[in-house]
Amino acid sequence: MRYAPDRCLLRQILKSRKIPQRWLCEVTGYPESQISDYVNNRTTMGYATAVTIAKHLGIHPEELYTWKVID
């Protein structure tokens, strides 16, 4: 059984913690357009990006997405 990221939960995580996207851009060094793409599910972040964002939010990278089973 394999898993793949389904839906990014970054929007909900930031909203529930009242953290602006701009703060995440500042602490990670990622451009606003990149964070916006994740928040709006236009692109899936790579593992290194997920780890970076998760570390700044104090969560595990796996918590940034819902997951679907493949196969």
N, C-alpha and C. Protein backbone atom coordinates (compact mmCIF):
# COMPACT_ATOMS: atom_id res chain seq x y z
N MET A 1 0.85 -1.17 0.00
CA MET A 1 0.00 0.00 0.00
C MET A 1 0.89 1.24 0.00
N ARG A 2 0.54 2.22 -0.84
CA ARG A 2 1.28 3.47 -0.90
C ARG A 2 0.35 4.63 -0.58
N TYR A 3 0.95 5.72 -0.13
CA TYR A 3 0.19 6.92 0.20
C TYR A 3 0.70 8.09 -0.63
N ALA A 4 -0.19 9.02 -0.91
CA ALA A 4 0.17 10.25 -1.62
C ALA A 4 -0.55 11.41 -0.95
N PRO A 5 0.07 12.59 -0.94
CA PRO A 5 -0.61 13.75 -0.36
C PRO A 5 -1.87 14.07 -1.17
N ASP A 6 -2.92 14.41 -0.46
CA ASP A 6 -4.19 14.71 -1.12
C ASP A 6 -4.47 16.21 -1.08
N ARG A 7 -4.84 16.71 0.08
CA ARG A 7 -5.21 18.12 0.20
C ARG A 7 -4.32 18.78 1.24
N CYS A 8 -3.77 19.94 0.88
CA CYS A 8 -2.92 20.68 1.80
C CYS A 8 -3.78 21.33 2.89
N LEU A 9 -3.35 21.20 4.12
CA LEU A 9 -4.08 21.75 5.27
C LEU A 9 -3.46 23.03 5.80
N LEU A 10 -2.52 23.59 5.05
CA LEU A 10 -1.80 24.77 5.52
C LEU A 10 -2.74 25.94 5.79
N ARG A 11 -3.72 26.16 4.94
CA ARG A 11 -4.68 27.26 5.15
C ARG A 11 -5.36 27.11 6.51
N GLN A 12 -5.86 25.91 6.80
CA GLN A 12 -6.56 25.68 8.06
C GLN A 12 -5.63 25.81 9.26
N ILE A 13 -4.41 25.34 9.12
CA ILE A 13 -3.44 25.41 10.22
C ILE A 13 -3.12 26.87 10.53
N LEU A 14 -2.82 27.64 9.50
CA LEU A 14 -2.49 29.06 9.71
C LEU A 14 -3.69 29.81 10.29
N LYS A 15 -4.87 29.55 9.76
CA LYS A 15 -6.08 30.24 10.22
C LYS A 15 -6.37 29.91 11.68
N SER A 16 -6.28 28.65 12.05
CA SER A 16 -6.60 28.25 13.43
C SER A 16 -5.61 28.84 14.44
N ARG A 17 -4.40 29.11 13.98
CA ARG A 17 -3.38 29.69 14.87
C ARG A 17 -3.25 31.20 14.71
N LYS A 18 -4.07 31.76 13.82
CA LYS A 18 -4.05 33.20 13.54
C LYS A 18 -2.65 33.66 13.10
N ILE A 19 -2.04 32.87 12.23
CA ILE A 19 -0.71 33.17 11.70
C ILE A 19 -0.88 33.64 10.26
N PRO A 20 -0.38 34.83 9.93
CA PRO A 20 -0.48 35.29 8.55
C PRO A 20 0.51 34.57 7.63
N GLN A 21 0.12 34.43 6.38
CA GLN A 21 1.01 33.81 5.39
C GLN A 21 2.34 34.57 5.30
N ARG A 22 2.27 35.87 5.44
CA ARG A 22 3.48 36.71 5.34
C ARG A 22 4.52 36.29 6.38
N TRP A 23 4.08 35.97 7.60
CA TRP A 23 5.02 35.53 8.64
C TRP A 23 5.73 34.26 8.19
N LEU A 24 4.96 33.32 7.64
CA LEU A 24 5.55 32.07 7.19
C LEU A 24 6.58 32.33 6.08
N CYS A 25 6.28 33.26 5.21
CA CYS A 25 7.24 33.64 4.16
C CYS A 25 8.51 34.21 4.77
N GLU A 26 8.37 35.05 5.75
CA GLU A 26 9.53 35.68 6.38
C GLU A 26 10.43 34.67 7.08
N VAL A 27 9.85 33.74 7.82
CA VAL A 27 10.66 32.80 8.60
C VAL A 27 11.24 31.68 7.74
N THR A 28 10.58 31.35 6.63
CA THR A 28 11.08 30.27 5.78
C THR A 28 11.93 30.77 4.63
N GLY A 29 11.71 32.02 4.24
CA GLY A 29 12.42 32.56 3.08
C GLY A 29 11.75 32.22 1.76
N TYR A 30 10.59 31.56 1.80
CA TYR A 30 9.87 31.22 0.58
C TYR A 30 9.04 32.42 0.13
N PRO A 31 8.94 32.64 -1.18
CA PRO A 31 8.14 33.77 -1.67
C PRO A 31 6.65 33.58 -1.38
N GLU A 32 5.94 34.71 -1.28
CA GLU A 32 4.51 34.66 -1.00
C GLU A 32 3.75 33.84 -2.04
N SER A 33 4.18 33.92 -3.28
CA SER A 33 3.49 33.17 -4.34
C SER A 33 3.59 31.67 -4.10
N GLN A 34 4.72 31.22 -3.58
CA GLN A 34 4.90 29.79 -3.31
C GLN A 34 4.00 29.33 -2.17
N ILE A 35 3.98 30.10 -1.08
CA ILE A 35 3.12 29.76 0.06
C ILE A 35 1.66 29.80 -0.39
N SER A 36 1.29 30.78 -1.19
CA SER A 36 -0.07 30.89 -1.70
C SER A 36 -0.45 29.68 -2.54
N ASP A 37 0.48 29.19 -3.33
CA ASP A 37 0.21 27.99 -4.14
C ASP A 37 -0.10 26.78 -3.26
N TYR A 38 0.61 26.65 -2.14
CA TYR A 38 0.34 25.54 -1.22
C TYR A 38 -1.01 25.72 -0.54
N VAL A 39 -1.25 26.93 -0.04
CA VAL A 39 -2.49 27.24 0.67
C VAL A 39 -3.71 26.99 -0.22
N ASN A 40 -3.58 27.30 -1.50
CA ASN A 40 -4.69 27.16 -2.44
C ASN A 40 -4.66 25.84 -3.22
N ASN A 41 -3.83 24.91 -2.78
CA ASN A 41 -3.74 23.57 -3.37
C ASN A 41 -3.44 23.59 -4.87
N ARG A 42 -2.64 24.56 -5.30
CA ARG A 42 -2.23 24.61 -6.70
C ARG A 42 -1.00 23.76 -6.96
N THR A 43 -0.23 23.51 -5.93
CA THR A 43 0.97 22.68 -6.06
C THR A 43 1.21 21.94 -4.76
N THR A 44 1.90 20.82 -4.85
CA THR A 44 2.23 20.02 -3.68
C THR A 44 3.67 20.30 -3.28
N MET A 45 3.90 20.56 -2.01
CA MET A 45 5.27 20.86 -1.57
C MET A 45 6.11 19.60 -1.52
N GLY A 46 7.39 19.76 -1.81
CA GLY A 46 8.33 18.66 -1.68
C GLY A 46 8.63 18.40 -0.21
N TYR A 47 9.32 17.30 0.05
CA TYR A 47 9.56 16.91 1.43
C TYR A 47 10.39 17.94 2.20
N ALA A 48 11.44 18.47 1.59
CA ALA A 48 12.29 19.45 2.28
C ALA A 48 11.48 20.70 2.64
N THR A 49 10.62 21.13 1.75
CA THR A 49 9.77 22.29 2.03
C THR A 49 8.79 21.97 3.15
N ALA A 50 8.19 20.79 3.10
CA ALA A 50 7.25 20.39 4.15
C ALA A 50 7.93 20.34 5.51
N VAL A 51 9.14 19.82 5.56
CA VAL A 51 9.88 19.76 6.82
C VAL A 51 10.17 21.18 7.32
N THR A 52 10.61 22.06 6.43
CA THR A 52 10.91 23.44 6.81
C THR A 52 9.68 24.13 7.39
N ILE A 53 8.58 24.04 6.68
CA ILE A 53 7.34 24.69 7.14
C ILE A 53 6.86 24.06 8.44
N ALA A 54 6.87 22.75 8.51
CA ALA A 54 6.41 22.05 9.71
C ALA A 54 7.24 22.42 10.93
N LYS A 55 8.55 22.52 10.78
CA LYS A 55 9.42 22.88 11.91
C LYS A 55 9.03 24.25 12.46
N HIS A 56 8.74 25.20 11.57
CA HIS A 56 8.37 26.54 12.02
C HIS A 56 6.99 26.57 12.67
N LEU A 57 6.15 25.61 12.32
CA LEU A 57 4.81 25.54 12.91
C LEU A 57 4.73 24.59 14.10
N GLY A 58 5.82 23.87 14.37
CA GLY A 58 5.85 22.95 15.50
C GLY A 58 5.00 21.71 15.30
N ILE A 59 4.92 21.24 14.05
CA ILE A 59 4.15 20.04 13.74
C ILE A 59 5.00 19.08 12.92
N HIS A 60 4.46 17.90 12.65
CA HIS A 60 5.14 16.93 11.79
C HIS A 60 4.76 17.22 10.34
N PRO A 61 5.67 17.00 9.40
CA PRO A 61 5.36 17.28 7.99
C PRO A 61 4.10 16.56 7.49
N GLU A 62 3.86 15.38 8.00
CA GLU A 62 2.68 14.62 7.56
C GLU A 62 1.37 15.32 7.90
N GLU A 63 1.41 16.21 8.89
CA GLU A 63 0.20 16.92 9.31
C GLU A 63 -0.18 18.05 8.37
N LEU A 64 0.66 18.34 7.39
CA LEU A 64 0.36 19.41 6.45
C LEU A 64 -0.62 18.99 5.35
N TYR A 65 -0.89 17.70 5.25
CA TYR A 65 -1.76 17.18 4.19
C TYR A 65 -2.72 16.13 4.73
N THR A 66 -3.84 15.98 4.03
CA THR A 66 -4.62 14.76 4.17
C THR A 66 -3.96 13.79 3.19
N TRP A 67 -4.12 12.50 3.44
CA TRP A 67 -3.42 11.50 2.64
C TRP A 67 -4.40 10.53 2.01
N LYS A 68 -4.09 10.11 0.78
CA LYS A 68 -4.93 9.12 0.11
C LYS A 68 -4.10 7.87 -0.18
N VAL A 69 -4.79 6.75 -0.19
CA VAL A 69 -4.15 5.47 -0.47
C VAL A 69 -4.14 5.27 -1.98
N ILE A 70 -2.99 4.84 -2.48
CA ILE A 70 -2.84 4.54 -3.91
C ILE A 70 -2.64 3.03 -4.04
N ASP A 71 -3.28 2.44 -5.00
CA ASP A 71 -3.20 1.01 -5.34
C ASP A 71 -4.40 0.28 -4.92
